[in-house]
Amino acid sequence: MIFEVEHTTRFDYSQPVKLEPQAVRLRPRTDRSQVLLSFRMHLDPPPDGITDISDLDGNDTVMAWFTQATTSLEISTSLRAETLRTNPFDYVVLDPKLHELPMRYPADEAGALFRYMQPTGDPAVTALAWDVLNAGTGSAPEFLADLASRLAADVEGEVRLEGEPYPPAETLRLAKGSCRDVAVVFMDACRVVGLAARFVSGYHEGDPDIEEKYLHAWAEVYLTRVGWRGFDPTLGLAVADRHLPVCAGPTAASAAPSEGSYRGTALSTMKADLQVRVYPPQSPA
C-alpha cells in the first residue's frame, strides 16, 4: 500500500522557555517490509544545530538543539512510503520446537533480546498470559494471534492523546484504554511466556468513514528465524501492509515520536494534526 502522511505537532508554552535538545522519531525506516519514498521535516523555530542518528532499534532519529527562548515548538513532517508485506505469516519454520512456549531463545539471541524480555510481574497480566497459552497448543504464532484477539474483544478502545500508558493492570481493570495502553498489556503478556516484545509507534489506514486521524501504537514480537513481526491488539490482528511503523523500542517512552524537555516554569499544551491517505500502488502500464 502507498501511505501519504502530513503530520504536525505543536507545543505552546505560557511564557518563553529554553528548549533542551529535542529527539524527533518520525522518519519511517526502509527495510524488507517497507520503503520510504520521500520525507520532509520542518521545525519552527529553526534549530541552531541538527544531527541524524540511528539508535539501538534502528530508528532514524533527528536530534535538534536550540539556544533562543521561544513560546512554541512546531514539528511538521510530510512523507510518502510503500508497505510491502501483504501476508503477515509469510514464513516457514521447519522446526516447530523453535516456537514452542514458554519461549527459549538460542543463547546468542537471548542476550541481545534481554531488554525486551522483562515482564512487570503483575498478577493480572500473568494470569491473562497463562490463560491464553493454556487454551491453545503452546505455539507462539497461535498464542500471539489469540492474545491479540482476546485483548481486542475485552478492552474497549478510547482516544487519549497525551500521557504515559496506563500500567497494564489498570487497563485490564478498566477494560478500556488507548492503543498504547493495550499495546503495553500485550507486550507484558508476551514477556510472561518468554517472548521478546517491543512497542511500535506509527500510522494505520484507519476507518475511511472517520475524518480525524491519530498516531497509532501496536507491538512487535521477535521470533527465531522470522525476526520482528507486528501484532495490533487494539484491532485484534497481525500487522501487514495497512500499518506503517515509524519507530520502535523496549518501552513506550523509547518509541515516542518526539522527546525533549525545556527550562522554565511555563505550562505547555500540545495540539496535533494528522492526515493519512492510503491507496494501492499503481500497476505498471
C-alpha atoms as a PDB file:
ATOM      1  CA  MET A   1       0.000   0.000   0.000  1.00  0.00           C
ATOM      2  CA  ILE A   2       1.036   3.609  -0.537  1.00  0.00           C
ATOM      3  CA  PHE A   3       0.911   5.870   2.527  1.00  0.00           C
ATOM      4  CA  GLU A   4       0.894   9.663   2.170  1.00  0.00           C
ATOM      5  CA  VAL A   5       1.113  11.397   5.540  1.00  0.00           C
ATOM      6  CA  GLU A   6       1.043  15.040   6.641  1.00  0.00           C
ATOM      7  CA  HIS A   7       1.727  15.341  10.364  1.00  0.00           C
ATOM      8  CA  THR A   8       2.061  18.476  12.503  1.00  0.00           C
ATOM      9  CA  THR A   9       2.575  18.596  16.271  1.00  0.00           C
ATOM     10  CA  ARG A  10       2.654  21.944  18.059  1.00  0.00           C
ATOM     11  CA  PHE A  11       3.694  22.673  21.631  1.00  0.00           C
ATOM     12  CA  ASP A  12       2.707  26.068  23.080  1.00  0.00           C
ATOM     13  CA  TYR A  13       4.209  27.460  26.276  1.00  0.00           C
ATOM     14  CA  SER A  14       2.556  30.013  28.562  1.00  0.00           C
ATOM     15  CA  GLN A  15       5.786  32.051  28.689  1.00  0.00           C
ATOM     16  CA  PRO A  16       9.203  31.908  26.994  1.00  0.00           C
ATOM     17  CA  VAL A  17      11.247  28.767  27.690  1.00  0.00           C
ATOM     18  CA  LYS A  18      14.663  27.403  26.757  1.00  0.00           C
ATOM     19  CA  LEU A  19      14.346  24.136  24.881  1.00  0.00           C
ATOM     20  CA  GLU A  20      16.633  21.271  25.792  1.00  0.00           C
ATOM     21  CA  PRO A  21      17.804  19.064  22.875  1.00  0.00           C
ATOM     22  CA  GLN A  22      14.807  17.501  21.168  1.00  0.00           C
ATOM     23  CA  ALA A  23      14.679  13.990  19.670  1.00  0.00           C
ATOM     24  CA  VAL A  24      12.286  13.521  16.752  1.00  0.00           C
ATOM     25  CA  ARG A  25      11.480   9.972  15.608  1.00  0.00           C
ATOM     26  CA  LEU A  26       9.087  10.495  12.707  1.00  0.00           C
ATOM     27  CA  ARG A  27      11.084   9.184   9.743  1.00  0.00           C
ATOM     28  CA  PRO A  28       9.989   5.608   8.889  1.00  0.00           C
ATOM     29  CA  ARG A  29      12.735   3.093   8.268  1.00  0.00           C
ATOM     30  CA  THR A  30      13.335   1.316   4.969  1.00  0.00           C
ATOM     31  CA  ASP A  31      13.623  -2.470   5.192  1.00  0.00           C
ATOM     32  CA  ARG A  32      12.209  -5.627   3.606  1.00  0.00           C
ATOM     33  CA  SER A  33       8.664  -4.737   4.664  1.00  0.00           C
ATOM     34  CA  GLN A  34       8.502  -1.075   3.618  1.00  0.00           C
ATOM     35  CA  VAL A  35      10.221   1.572   1.517  1.00  0.00           C
ATOM     36  CA  LEU A  36      10.378   5.280   2.339  1.00  0.00           C
ATOM     37  CA  LEU A  37       9.852   7.113  -0.948  1.00  0.00           C
ATOM     38  CA  SER A  38      10.090  10.713   0.252  1.00  0.00           C
ATOM     39  CA  PHE A  39      10.349  12.575   3.544  1.00  0.00           C
ATOM     40  CA  ARG A  40      10.465  16.237   4.577  1.00  0.00           C
ATOM     41  CA  MET A  41      10.604  17.750   8.049  1.00  0.00           C
ATOM     42  CA  HIS A  42      10.328  21.361   9.207  1.00  0.00           C
ATOM     43  CA  LEU A  43      10.973  22.673  12.727  1.00  0.00           C
ATOM     44  CA  ASP A  44       9.782  26.070  13.928  1.00  0.00           C
ATOM     45  CA  PRO A  45      11.674  27.826  15.430  1.00  0.00           C
ATOM     46  CA  PRO A  46      14.596  26.699  13.265  1.00  0.00           C
ATOM     47  CA  PRO A  47      17.152  24.793  15.356  1.00  0.00           C
ATOM     48  CA  ASP A  48      20.673  26.114  15.848  1.00  0.00           C
ATOM     49  CA  GLY A  49      22.018  22.644  15.145  1.00  0.00           C
ATOM     50  CA  ILE A  50      20.727  19.311  13.930  1.00  0.00           C
ATOM     51  CA  THR A  51      22.130  15.818  13.506  1.00  0.00           C
ATOM     52  CA  ASP A  52      20.743  12.489  12.263  1.00  0.00           C
ATOM     53  CA  ILE A  53      21.386   9.323  14.233  1.00  0.00           C
ATOM     54  CA  SER A  54      20.334   5.661  14.155  1.00  0.00           C
ATOM     55  CA  ASP A  55      19.528   4.291  17.609  1.00  0.00           C
ATOM     56  CA  LEU A  56      19.717   0.762  19.044  1.00  0.00           C
ATOM     57  CA  ASP A  57      16.419  -0.243  17.429  1.00  0.00           C
ATOM     58  CA  GLY A  58      17.339   1.162  14.034  1.00  0.00           C
ATOM     59  CA  ASN A  59      15.087   4.198  14.367  1.00  0.00           C
ATOM     60  CA  ASP A  60      16.065   7.203  12.266  1.00  0.00           C
ATOM     61  CA  THR A  61      16.216   9.942  14.884  1.00  0.00           C
ATOM     62  CA  VAL A  62      16.793  13.680  14.418  1.00  0.00           C
ATOM     63  CA  MET A  63      18.462  15.456  17.333  1.00  0.00           C
ATOM     64  CA  ALA A  64      17.910  19.221  17.310  1.00  0.00           C
ATOM     65  CA  TRP A  65      19.149  21.860  19.713  1.00  0.00           C
ATOM     66  CA  PHE A  66      18.161  25.483  20.287  1.00  0.00           C
ATOM     67  CA  THR A  67      19.725  28.475  22.022  1.00  0.00           C
ATOM     68  CA  GLN A  68      16.992  31.123  21.840  1.00  0.00           C
ATOM     69  CA  ALA A  69      13.964  31.327  24.109  1.00  0.00           C
ATOM     70  CA  THR A  70      10.635  30.507  22.480  1.00  0.00           C
ATOM     71  CA  THR A  71       6.936  30.303  23.285  1.00  0.00           C
ATOM     72  CA  SER A  72       6.240  27.409  20.888  1.00  0.00           C
ATOM     73  CA  LEU A  73       7.720  24.449  19.047  1.00  0.00           C
ATOM     74  CA  GLU A  74       6.161  23.072  15.879  1.00  0.00           C
ATOM     75  CA  ILE A  75       7.247  19.821  14.203  1.00  0.00           C
ATOM     76  CA  SER A  76       5.867  19.237  10.704  1.00  0.00           C
ATOM     77  CA  THR A  77       6.559  16.205   8.529  1.00  0.00           C
ATOM     78  CA  SER A  78       5.415  15.088   5.117  1.00  0.00           C
ATOM     79  CA  LEU A  79       6.129  11.605   3.785  1.00  0.00           C
ATOM     80  CA  ARG A  80       5.302   9.036   1.160  1.00  0.00           C
ATOM     81  CA  ALA A  81       6.039   5.350   1.762  1.00  0.00           C
ATOM     82  CA  GLU A  82       5.115   1.954   0.376  1.00  0.00           C
ATOM     83  CA  THR A  83       4.358  -1.021   2.631  1.00  0.00           C
ATOM     84  CA  LEU A  84       5.198  -4.388   1.097  1.00  0.00           C
ATOM     85  CA  ARG A  85       4.178  -7.239   3.429  1.00  0.00           C
ATOM     86  CA  THR A  86       0.708  -8.332   2.321  1.00  0.00           C
ATOM     87  CA  ASN A  87       0.872 -11.617   4.238  1.00  0.00           C
ATOM     88  CA  PRO A  88       1.904 -11.321   7.916  1.00  0.00           C
ATOM     89  CA  PHE A  89       2.524 -15.090   8.049  1.00  0.00           C
ATOM     90  CA  ASP A  90       4.848 -15.322   5.040  1.00  0.00           C
ATOM     91  CA  TYR A  91       7.358 -17.580   6.764  1.00  0.00           C
ATOM     92  CA  VAL A  92       8.006 -21.301   7.169  1.00  0.00           C
ATOM     93  CA  VAL A  93       9.568 -22.793  10.295  1.00  0.00           C
ATOM     94  CA  LEU A  94      10.929 -26.267   9.642  1.00  0.00           C
ATOM     95  CA  ASP A  95      11.425 -26.988  13.342  1.00  0.00           C
ATOM     96  CA  PRO A  96       8.221 -26.142  15.298  1.00  0.00           C
ATOM     97  CA  LYS A  97      10.099 -26.582  18.580  1.00  0.00           C
ATOM     98  CA  LEU A  98      11.765 -23.215  17.901  1.00  0.00           C
ATOM     99  CA  HIS A  99       8.432 -21.534  18.613  1.00  0.00           C
ATOM    100  CA  GLU A 100       7.142 -23.638  21.493  1.00  0.00           C
ATOM    101  CA  LEU A 101       6.127 -21.686  24.603  1.00  0.00           C
ATOM    102  CA  PRO A 102       7.416 -20.804  27.106  1.00  0.00           C
ATOM    103  CA  MET A 103       9.979 -19.456  24.651  1.00  0.00           C
ATOM    104  CA  ARG A 104      13.631 -20.422  24.974  1.00  0.00           C
ATOM    105  CA  TYR A 105      15.703 -18.376  22.561  1.00  0.00           C
ATOM    106  CA  PRO A 106      19.135 -19.570  21.436  1.00  0.00           C
ATOM    107  CA  ALA A 107      21.817 -18.147  23.742  1.00  0.00           C
ATOM    108  CA  ASP A 108      23.106 -15.538  21.281  1.00  0.00           C
ATOM    109  CA  GLU A 109      19.602 -14.186  20.635  1.00  0.00           C
ATOM    110  CA  ALA A 110      18.607 -14.271  24.305  1.00  0.00           C
ATOM    111  CA  GLY A 111      21.479 -11.986  25.235  1.00  0.00           C
ATOM    112  CA  ALA A 112      20.648  -9.462  22.536  1.00  0.00           C
ATOM    113  CA  LEU A 113      16.930  -9.548  23.402  1.00  0.00           C
ATOM    114  CA  PHE A 114      17.274  -9.098  27.169  1.00  0.00           C
ATOM    115  CA  ARG A 115      15.941  -5.523  27.205  1.00  0.00           C
ATOM    116  CA  TYR A 116      12.693  -6.666  25.518  1.00  0.00           C
ATOM    117  CA  MET A 117      12.010  -9.595  27.844  1.00  0.00           C
ATOM    118  CA  GLN A 118      11.413  -8.227  31.356  1.00  0.00           C
ATOM    119  CA  PRO A 119       7.745  -8.562  32.443  1.00  0.00           C
ATOM    120  CA  THR A 120       6.305  -6.336  35.139  1.00  0.00           C
ATOM    121  CA  GLY A 121       5.326  -9.368  37.208  1.00  0.00           C
ATOM    122  CA  ASP A 122       1.775  -8.091  37.610  1.00  0.00           C
ATOM    123  CA  PRO A 123      -0.524 -10.952  38.699  1.00  0.00           C
ATOM    124  CA  ALA A 124      -3.396  -9.905  36.406  1.00  0.00           C
ATOM    125  CA  VAL A 125      -1.192  -9.913  33.318  1.00  0.00           C
ATOM    126  CA  THR A 126       0.486 -13.154  34.341  1.00  0.00           C
ATOM    127  CA  ALA A 127      -2.915 -14.804  34.716  1.00  0.00           C
ATOM    128  CA  LEU A 128      -4.036 -13.493  31.319  1.00  0.00           C
ATOM    129  CA  ALA A 129      -0.906 -14.777  29.577  1.00  0.00           C
ATOM    130  CA  TRP A 130      -1.142 -18.288  31.028  1.00  0.00           C
ATOM    131  CA  ASP A 131      -4.890 -18.446  30.405  1.00  0.00           C
ATOM    132  CA  VAL A 132      -4.378 -17.670  26.700  1.00  0.00           C
ATOM    133  CA  LEU A 133      -1.425 -20.057  26.445  1.00  0.00           C
ATOM    134  CA  ASN A 134      -3.188 -22.966  28.208  1.00  0.00           C
ATOM    135  CA  ALA A 135      -6.222 -22.601  25.943  1.00  0.00           C
ATOM    136  CA  GLY A 136      -4.111 -23.358  22.859  1.00  0.00           C
ATOM    137  CA  THR A 137      -1.480 -25.764  21.630  1.00  0.00           C
ATOM    138  CA  GLY A 138       1.518 -23.884  23.017  1.00  0.00           C
ATOM    139  CA  SER A 139       2.849 -22.476  19.750  1.00  0.00           C
ATOM    140  CA  ALA A 140       3.997 -18.847  19.673  1.00  0.00           C
ATOM    141  CA  PRO A 141       2.141 -17.849  16.466  1.00  0.00           C
ATOM    142  CA  GLU A 142      -1.133 -19.235  17.845  1.00  0.00           C
ATOM    143  CA  PHE A 143      -0.592 -17.557  21.223  1.00  0.00           C
ATOM    144  CA  LEU A 144       0.108 -14.180  19.602  1.00  0.00           C
ATOM    145  CA  ALA A 145      -2.988 -14.324  17.410  1.00  0.00           C
ATOM    146  CA  ASP A 146      -5.176 -15.466  20.317  1.00  0.00           C
ATOM    147  CA  LEU A 147      -3.784 -12.803  22.680  1.00  0.00           C
ATOM    148  CA  ALA A 148      -4.359 -10.007  20.157  1.00  0.00           C
ATOM    149  CA  SER A 149      -7.903 -11.221  19.541  1.00  0.00           C
ATOM    150  CA  ARG A 150      -8.617 -11.555  23.269  1.00  0.00           C
ATOM    151  CA  LEU A 151      -7.471  -8.022  24.083  1.00  0.00           C
ATOM    152  CA  ALA A 152      -9.383  -6.516  21.167  1.00  0.00           C
ATOM    153  CA  ALA A 153     -12.553  -8.167  22.494  1.00  0.00           C
ATOM    154  CA  ASP A 154     -12.003  -7.438  26.191  1.00  0.00           C
ATOM    155  CA  VAL A 155     -10.622  -3.872  26.161  1.00  0.00           C
ATOM    156  CA  GLU A 156     -12.757  -1.048  24.797  1.00  0.00           C
ATOM    157  CA  GLY A 157     -10.740   1.401  22.725  1.00  0.00           C
ATOM    158  CA  GLU A 158     -10.571   5.104  23.532  1.00  0.00           C
ATOM    159  CA  VAL A 159      -8.645   8.141  22.280  1.00  0.00           C
ATOM    160  CA  ARG A 160      -6.214   9.714  24.753  1.00  0.00           C
ATOM    161  CA  LEU A 161      -3.704  11.987  23.032  1.00  0.00           C
ATOM    162  CA  GLU A 162      -1.367  12.745  25.940  1.00  0.00           C
ATOM    163  CA  GLY A 163       0.174  10.951  28.864  1.00  0.00           C
ATOM    164  CA  GLU A 164       2.132   7.784  29.523  1.00  0.00           C
ATOM    165  CA  PRO A 165       0.417   4.425  29.003  1.00  0.00           C
ATOM    166  CA  TYR A 166      -1.555   3.160  31.962  1.00  0.00           C
ATOM    167  CA  PRO A 167       0.023   0.312  33.952  1.00  0.00           C
ATOM    168  CA  PRO A 168      -1.120  -2.971  32.370  1.00  0.00           C
ATOM    169  CA  ALA A 169      -3.178  -3.988  35.407  1.00  0.00           C
ATOM    170  CA  GLU A 170      -5.070  -0.679  35.294  1.00  0.00           C
ATOM    171  CA  THR A 171      -6.004  -1.177  31.637  1.00  0.00           C
ATOM    172  CA  LEU A 172      -7.265  -4.687  32.395  1.00  0.00           C
ATOM    173  CA  ARG A 173      -9.211  -3.445  35.435  1.00  0.00           C
ATOM    174  CA  LEU A 174     -10.875  -0.637  33.488  1.00  0.00           C
ATOM    175  CA  ALA A 175     -11.409  -2.852  30.400  1.00  0.00           C
ATOM    176  CA  LYS A 176     -10.791   0.354  28.455  1.00  0.00           C
ATOM    177  CA  GLY A 177      -7.718   2.080  27.048  1.00  0.00           C
ATOM    178  CA  SER A 178      -5.940   3.806  24.205  1.00  0.00           C
ATOM    179  CA  CYS A 179      -3.962   1.879  21.618  1.00  0.00           C
ATOM    180  CA  ARG A 180      -0.739   2.472  23.569  1.00  0.00           C
ATOM    181  CA  ASP A 181      -2.341   1.132  26.754  1.00  0.00           C
ATOM    182  CA  VAL A 182      -3.408  -2.079  25.004  1.00  0.00           C
ATOM    183  CA  ALA A 183      -0.019  -2.442  23.300  1.00  0.00           C
ATOM    184  CA  VAL A 184       1.704  -2.314  26.703  1.00  0.00           C
ATOM    185  CA  VAL A 185      -0.589  -5.048  28.063  1.00  0.00           C
ATOM    186  CA  PHE A 186       0.144  -7.197  25.005  1.00  0.00           C
ATOM    187  CA  MET A 187       3.900  -6.724  25.409  1.00  0.00           C
ATOM    188  CA  ASP A 188       3.818  -7.572  29.097  1.00  0.00           C
ATOM    189  CA  ALA A 189       1.791 -10.758  28.494  1.00  0.00           C
ATOM    190  CA  CYS A 190       4.222 -11.825  25.768  1.00  0.00           C
ATOM    191  CA  ARG A 191       7.157 -11.339  28.130  1.00  0.00           C
ATOM    192  CA  VAL A 192       5.463 -13.519  30.766  1.00  0.00           C
ATOM    193  CA  VAL A 193       5.789 -16.522  28.425  1.00  0.00           C
ATOM    194  CA  GLY A 194       9.351 -15.631  27.397  1.00  0.00           C
ATOM    195  CA  LEU A 195       8.682 -13.744  24.159  1.00  0.00           C
ATOM    196  CA  ALA A 196      10.692 -10.611  23.358  1.00  0.00           C
ATOM    197  CA  ALA A 197       8.322  -7.742  22.608  1.00  0.00           C
ATOM    198  CA  ARG A 198       8.765  -4.083  21.741  1.00  0.00           C
ATOM    199  CA  PHE A 199       6.485  -1.040  21.440  1.00  0.00           C
ATOM    200  CA  VAL A 200       5.797   0.434  17.998  1.00  0.00           C
ATOM    201  CA  SER A 201       4.500   3.865  17.085  1.00  0.00           C
ATOM    202  CA  GLY A 202       3.315   4.623  13.576  1.00  0.00           C
ATOM    203  CA  TYR A 203       0.424   5.131  11.207  1.00  0.00           C
ATOM    204  CA  HIS A 204      -2.568   2.969  10.304  1.00  0.00           C
ATOM    205  CA  GLU A 205      -5.001   3.483   7.457  1.00  0.00           C
ATOM    206  CA  GLY A 206      -7.809   3.986   9.995  1.00  0.00           C
ATOM    207  CA  ASP A 207     -11.533   3.999   9.371  1.00  0.00           C
ATOM    208  CA  PRO A 208     -12.184   5.649   5.975  1.00  0.00           C
ATOM    209  CA  ASP A 209     -15.519   6.961   7.306  1.00  0.00           C
ATOM    210  CA  ILE A 210     -13.831   8.908  10.125  1.00  0.00           C
ATOM    211  CA  GLU A 211     -12.014  12.051   9.051  1.00  0.00           C
ATOM    212  CA  GLU A 212      -9.913  12.606  12.184  1.00  0.00           C
ATOM    213  CA  LYS A 213      -6.726  10.511  12.347  1.00  0.00           C
ATOM    214  CA  TYR A 214      -4.328   9.787  15.195  1.00  0.00           C
ATOM    215  CA  LEU A 215      -0.932   8.219  15.674  1.00  0.00           C
ATOM    216  CA  HIS A 216      -1.322   4.515  16.303  1.00  0.00           C
ATOM    217  CA  ALA A 217       0.556   2.094  18.563  1.00  0.00           C
ATOM    218  CA  TRP A 218       0.993  -1.661  18.465  1.00  0.00           C
ATOM    219  CA  ALA A 219       3.679  -4.239  19.309  1.00  0.00           C
ATOM    220  CA  GLU A 220       6.315  -6.317  17.558  1.00  0.00           C
ATOM    221  CA  VAL A 221       7.452  -9.727  18.778  1.00  0.00           C
ATOM    222  CA  TYR A 222      10.727 -11.419  17.877  1.00  0.00           C
ATOM    223  CA  LEU A 223      10.551 -14.994  16.575  1.00  0.00           C
ATOM    224  CA  THR A 224      13.684 -17.027  15.867  1.00  0.00           C
ATOM    225  CA  ARG A 225      14.404 -17.331  12.116  1.00  0.00           C
ATOM    226  CA  VAL A 226      11.492 -14.985  11.427  1.00  0.00           C
ATOM    227  CA  GLY A 227      12.502 -11.684  13.022  1.00  0.00           C
ATOM    228  CA  TRP A 228      10.287  -8.919  14.379  1.00  0.00           C
ATOM    229  CA  ARG A 229       6.605  -9.302  13.491  1.00  0.00           C
ATOM    230  CA  GLY A 230       3.820  -6.887  14.339  1.00  0.00           C
ATOM    231  CA  PHE A 231       0.569  -7.551  16.190  1.00  0.00           C
ATOM    232  CA  ASP A 232      -2.144  -4.967  16.791  1.00  0.00           C
ATOM    233  CA  PRO A 233      -4.110  -5.884  19.926  1.00  0.00           C
ATOM    234  CA  THR A 234      -6.391  -2.863  19.538  1.00  0.00           C
ATOM    235  CA  LEU A 235      -7.693  -4.274  16.269  1.00  0.00           C
ATOM    236  CA  GLY A 236      -7.027  -7.912  17.114  1.00  0.00           C
ATOM    237  CA  LEU A 237      -4.890  -8.791  14.123  1.00  0.00           C
ATOM    238  CA  ALA A 238      -1.408  -9.472  12.815  1.00  0.00           C
ATOM    239  CA  VAL A 239       0.192  -6.465  11.139  1.00  0.00           C
ATOM    240  CA  ALA A 240       0.576  -6.430   7.365  1.00  0.00           C
ATOM    241  CA  ASP A 241       0.700  -3.650   4.776  1.00  0.00           C
ATOM    242  CA  ARG A 242      -2.013  -1.443   6.290  1.00  0.00           C
ATOM    243  CA  HIS A 243       0.298  -0.341   9.108  1.00  0.00           C
ATOM    244  CA  LEU A 244       3.351   1.890   8.647  1.00  0.00           C
ATOM    245  CA  PRO A 245       5.831   1.592  11.570  1.00  0.00           C
ATOM    246  CA  VAL A 246       7.759   4.775  12.367  1.00  0.00           C
ATOM    247  CA  CYS A 247       9.750   3.910  15.499  1.00  0.00           C
ATOM    248  CA  ALA A 248      10.112   1.057  17.974  1.00  0.00           C
ATOM    249  CA  GLY A 249      11.681   0.432  21.367  1.00  0.00           C
ATOM    250  CA  PRO A 250      11.524  -1.700  24.513  1.00  0.00           C
ATOM    251  CA  THR A 251       9.236   0.860  26.199  1.00  0.00           C
ATOM    252  CA  ALA A 252       6.628   3.319  25.033  1.00  0.00           C
ATOM    253  CA  ALA A 253       8.898   6.218  26.036  1.00  0.00           C
ATOM    254  CA  SER A 254      11.763   4.907  23.891  1.00  0.00           C
ATOM    255  CA  ALA A 255       9.450   4.869  20.857  1.00  0.00           C
ATOM    256  CA  ALA A 256       7.879   8.295  21.391  1.00  0.00           C
ATOM    257  CA  PRO A 257       7.584  10.292  18.128  1.00  0.00           C
ATOM    258  CA  SER A 258       9.222  13.243  19.870  1.00  0.00           C
ATOM    259  CA  GLU A 259      11.052  13.593  23.160  1.00  0.00           C
ATOM    260  CA  GLY A 260      12.538  16.565  24.955  1.00  0.00           C
ATOM    261  CA  SER A 261      12.195  18.953  27.846  1.00  0.00           C
ATOM    262  CA  TYR A 262      12.510  22.676  28.495  1.00  0.00           C
ATOM    263  CA  ARG A 263      13.872  25.010  31.130  1.00  0.00           C
ATOM    264  CA  GLY A 264      11.338  27.338  32.683  1.00  0.00           C
ATOM    265  CA  THR A 265       8.161  27.389  34.764  1.00  0.00           C
ATOM    266  CA  ALA A 266       5.753  27.676  31.842  1.00  0.00           C
ATOM    267  CA  LEU A 267       2.793  25.413  31.303  1.00  0.00           C
ATOM    268  CA  SER A 268       2.716  23.569  27.992  1.00  0.00           C
ATOM    269  CA  THR A 269      -0.129  22.423  25.745  1.00  0.00           C
ATOM    270  CA  MET A 270       0.029  20.159  22.708  1.00  0.00           C
ATOM    271  CA  LYS A 271      -2.048  20.069  19.530  1.00  0.00           C
ATOM    272  CA  ALA A 272      -1.660  17.641  16.658  1.00  0.00           C
ATOM    273  CA  ASP A 273      -2.983  17.493  13.124  1.00  0.00           C
ATOM    274  CA  LEU A 274      -2.638  14.306  11.088  1.00  0.00           C
ATOM    275  CA  GLN A 275      -3.701  13.497   7.548  1.00  0.00           C
ATOM    276  CA  VAL A 276      -3.223   9.919   6.320  1.00  0.00           C
ATOM    277  CA  ARG A 277      -4.072   8.753   2.808  1.00  0.00           C
ATOM    278  CA  VAL A 278      -3.669   5.079   1.889  1.00  0.00           C
ATOM    279  CA  TYR A 279      -4.180   3.539  -1.531  1.00  0.00           C
ATOM    280  CA  PRO A 280      -2.907   0.599  -3.597  1.00  0.00           C
ATOM    281  CA  PRO A 281       0.223   1.163  -5.697  1.00  0.00           C
ATOM    282  CA  GLN A 282      -0.437   1.815  -9.360  1.00  0.00           C
ATOM    283  CA  SER A 283       0.052  -1.179 -11.622  1.00  0.00           C
ATOM    284  CA  PRO A 284       2.641  -0.763 -14.380  1.00  0.00           C
ATOM    285  CA  ALA A 285       1.121   0.280 -17.693  1.00  0.00           C
END
